[in-house]
Protein backbone atom coordinates (compact mmCIF):
# COMPACT_ATOMS: atom_id res chain seq x y z
CA MET A 1 -56.95 -53.47 -58.24
CA ALA A 2 -54.21 -52.49 -60.19
CA VAL A 3 -54.56 -49.05 -62.06
CA THR A 4 -52.53 -48.53 -65.28
CA SER A 5 -52.28 -45.05 -66.17
CA GLU A 6 -51.01 -43.51 -69.46
CA SER A 7 -49.12 -40.79 -71.11
CA ARG A 8 -48.11 -40.17 -75.01
CA THR A 9 -45.54 -37.90 -76.58
CA THR A 10 -45.64 -37.00 -80.10
CA TRP A 11 -41.86 -35.79 -81.09
CA ASN A 12 -41.38 -34.14 -84.56
CA GLY A 13 -38.03 -33.26 -85.97
CA SER A 14 -34.64 -33.77 -84.61
CA LEU A 15 -33.46 -34.02 -80.90
CA THR A 16 -31.75 -30.60 -80.50
CA GLU A 17 -33.89 -28.93 -83.55
CA GLY A 18 -37.63 -30.58 -83.11
CA SER A 19 -40.31 -30.41 -80.26
CA GLY A 20 -42.86 -32.63 -78.82
CA THR A 21 -46.16 -32.59 -76.75
CA THR A 22 -46.61 -34.99 -74.05
CA SER A 23 -50.43 -35.38 -72.97
CA LEU A 24 -51.87 -37.18 -69.65
CA LEU A 25 -53.85 -39.69 -71.21
CA SER A 26 -55.69 -41.36 -68.17
CA SER A 27 -56.74 -37.84 -66.31
CA GLN A 28 -56.94 -35.75 -69.51
CA ALA A 29 -55.78 -32.82 -67.36
CA ALA A 30 -53.23 -31.66 -69.36
CA SER A 31 -50.60 -31.54 -72.48
CA PHE A 32 -47.50 -29.76 -72.13
CA ALA A 33 -45.09 -28.69 -74.74
CA VAL A 34 -41.48 -30.45 -74.29
CA THR A 35 -38.32 -29.49 -76.17
CA TRP A 36 -34.37 -30.61 -75.77
CA ALA A 37 -33.70 -26.94 -74.84
CA ALA A 38 -35.92 -27.08 -71.98
CA ARG A 39 -34.48 -30.29 -70.78
CA SER A 40 -30.92 -29.25 -71.10
CA GLU A 41 -30.87 -25.48 -70.77
CA GLY A 42 -34.56 -24.69 -69.02
CA GLN A 43 -37.13 -22.85 -70.69
CA THR A 44 -39.98 -20.93 -69.73
CA GLY A 45 -43.43 -22.31 -70.81
CA LYS A 46 -42.19 -25.75 -71.81
CA THR A 47 -41.73 -28.92 -69.46
CA ASN A 48 -39.24 -31.62 -69.70
CA PRO A 49 -39.34 -35.40 -68.34
CA GLU A 50 -37.44 -34.40 -65.02
CA GLU A 51 -40.02 -31.59 -64.14
CA LEU A 52 -42.95 -34.43 -64.86
CA LEU A 53 -40.81 -36.92 -62.77
CA GLY A 54 -40.50 -34.41 -60.36
CA ALA A 55 -44.38 -33.84 -59.93
CA ALA A 56 -44.92 -37.59 -59.82
CA HIS A 57 -42.36 -37.97 -56.81
CA SER A 58 -43.70 -34.98 -55.25
CA ALA A 59 -47.20 -36.34 -55.21
CA CYS A 60 -46.55 -39.96 -54.47
CA TYR A 61 -44.07 -38.89 -51.03
CA SER A 62 -46.80 -36.42 -50.21
CA MET A 63 -49.31 -39.40 -50.21
CA ALA A 64 -46.76 -41.53 -48.53
CA LEU A 65 -46.10 -39.37 -45.60
CA SER A 66 -49.90 -38.26 -45.12
CA HIS A 67 -50.38 -42.38 -44.82
CA ALA A 68 -47.91 -42.90 -42.36
CA LEU A 69 -48.54 -39.83 -40.17
CA THR A 70 -52.73 -40.91 -40.26
CA GLY A 71 -52.00 -44.76 -39.44
CA ALA A 72 -49.78 -43.36 -36.48
CA GLY A 73 -52.64 -41.28 -35.03
CA THR A 74 -51.20 -37.99 -35.84
CA PRO A 75 -52.68 -36.72 -39.34
CA PRO A 76 -51.17 -34.08 -41.04
CA GLU A 77 -53.02 -30.58 -41.56
CA SER A 78 -50.73 -29.94 -44.36
CA ILE A 79 -47.77 -31.38 -46.48
CA GLU A 80 -45.88 -29.23 -49.04
CA VAL A 81 -43.32 -31.39 -50.98
CA THR A 82 -41.21 -29.95 -53.96
CA ALA A 83 -39.10 -32.46 -55.89
CA ALA A 84 -36.18 -30.87 -57.52
CA VAL A 85 -34.97 -33.60 -60.19
CA THR A 86 -31.65 -32.89 -61.68
CA PHE A 87 -30.77 -33.81 -65.39
CA VAL A 88 -27.19 -33.55 -66.61
CA PRO A 89 -26.76 -33.79 -70.42
CA GLY A 90 -24.79 -36.83 -71.41
CA GLU A 91 -24.85 -38.72 -67.70
CA GLY A 92 -28.87 -38.75 -67.12
CA VAL A 93 -30.78 -37.76 -64.01
CA THR A 94 -28.22 -37.47 -61.11
CA GLY A 95 -30.61 -37.19 -58.27
CA SER A 96 -33.91 -36.12 -56.72
CA HIS A 97 -34.21 -33.62 -53.49
CA LEU A 98 -37.21 -33.72 -51.78
CA LEU A 99 -38.05 -30.28 -49.43
CA VAL A 100 -40.73 -30.75 -47.36
CA ASN A 101 -42.44 -28.50 -45.23
CA ALA A 102 -45.20 -29.81 -43.06
CA ARG A 103 -48.18 -29.32 -40.23
CA VAL A 104 -48.85 -32.06 -38.10
CA PRO A 105 -50.40 -31.12 -34.80
CA GLY A 106 -48.97 -33.31 -31.70
CA LEU A 107 -45.62 -34.24 -33.51
CA ASP A 108 -42.10 -33.21 -32.49
CA GLU A 109 -39.47 -32.83 -34.80
CA ALA A 110 -37.57 -36.28 -33.87
CA ALA A 111 -40.90 -37.89 -34.78
CA PHE A 112 -41.64 -35.84 -37.87
CA ALA A 113 -37.88 -36.32 -39.21
CA THR A 114 -38.36 -40.40 -38.59
CA PHE A 115 -41.68 -40.19 -40.67
CA ALA A 116 -40.29 -38.27 -43.05
CA GLU A 117 -37.19 -40.44 -43.92
CA GLU A 118 -39.37 -43.60 -43.86
CA ALA A 119 -41.92 -42.24 -46.55
CA LYS A 120 -39.20 -41.46 -48.59
CA THR A 121 -38.07 -45.00 -48.63
CA GLY A 122 -41.77 -46.23 -48.37
CA CYS A 123 -42.98 -43.70 -51.57
CA PRO A 124 -43.22 -46.22 -54.60
CA ILE A 125 -42.01 -43.57 -57.34
CA SER A 126 -38.86 -43.18 -54.58
CA GLN A 127 -38.42 -47.10 -55.05
CA ALA A 128 -38.72 -46.77 -58.94
CA LEU A 129 -35.50 -43.83 -58.52
CA ALA A 130 -33.60 -46.65 -56.70
CA GLY A 131 -30.76 -45.92 -59.13
CA ILE A 132 -29.98 -42.37 -58.38
CA PRO A 133 -29.63 -40.44 -54.72
CA ILE A 134 -32.94 -39.27 -53.44
CA THR A 135 -32.01 -36.66 -50.55
CA LEU A 136 -34.70 -35.00 -48.04
CA GLU A 137 -35.18 -31.68 -46.27
CA ALA A 138 -37.88 -32.08 -43.80
CA THR A 139 -39.42 -29.18 -41.65
CA LEU A 140 -42.39 -28.97 -39.13
CA GLY A 141 -44.32 -25.99 -39.38
C-alpha cells in the first residue's frame, strides 16, 4: 500500500527578510519556524530544509539498517544515527554524512560494516539523494 505524506510551508516576505512555518500535515506532529538566516548561517530556534532532510535521512537509514540486521538473524538492541546535511548558499545541498552507532549482540565489526554500507545504498532516502555524496561512519558499540 502506498503512503503519501504531506508537509506545508507558508512563507511571508522576501527570501532574506521573510520567514515561514513548515508544518507536518500528515502526522500533525509539529510545526517549525524557517528563515533564510537559519538556512544560510544557522540560527537557534529555527529549522531549515537541510535539517528536515537530515531527520528524514537518519530515520530512513535507521529503519533500513534495523531491517537488514533483523533479517540476517542479528536484531539490533539499539541504533543511533545522526545525518549531517550540508548546504552551501549558491551551490545547494552538497552532501549528507551519516554517523552511526549501534549495539548488535553477536555481530563483529566487519559484518556490521557490510550491513551499514548496504543500508546506506538501500535506504529509500539515500536513493532519493543519489545526486549528492553520502558518507558513512559506522561503529559497533
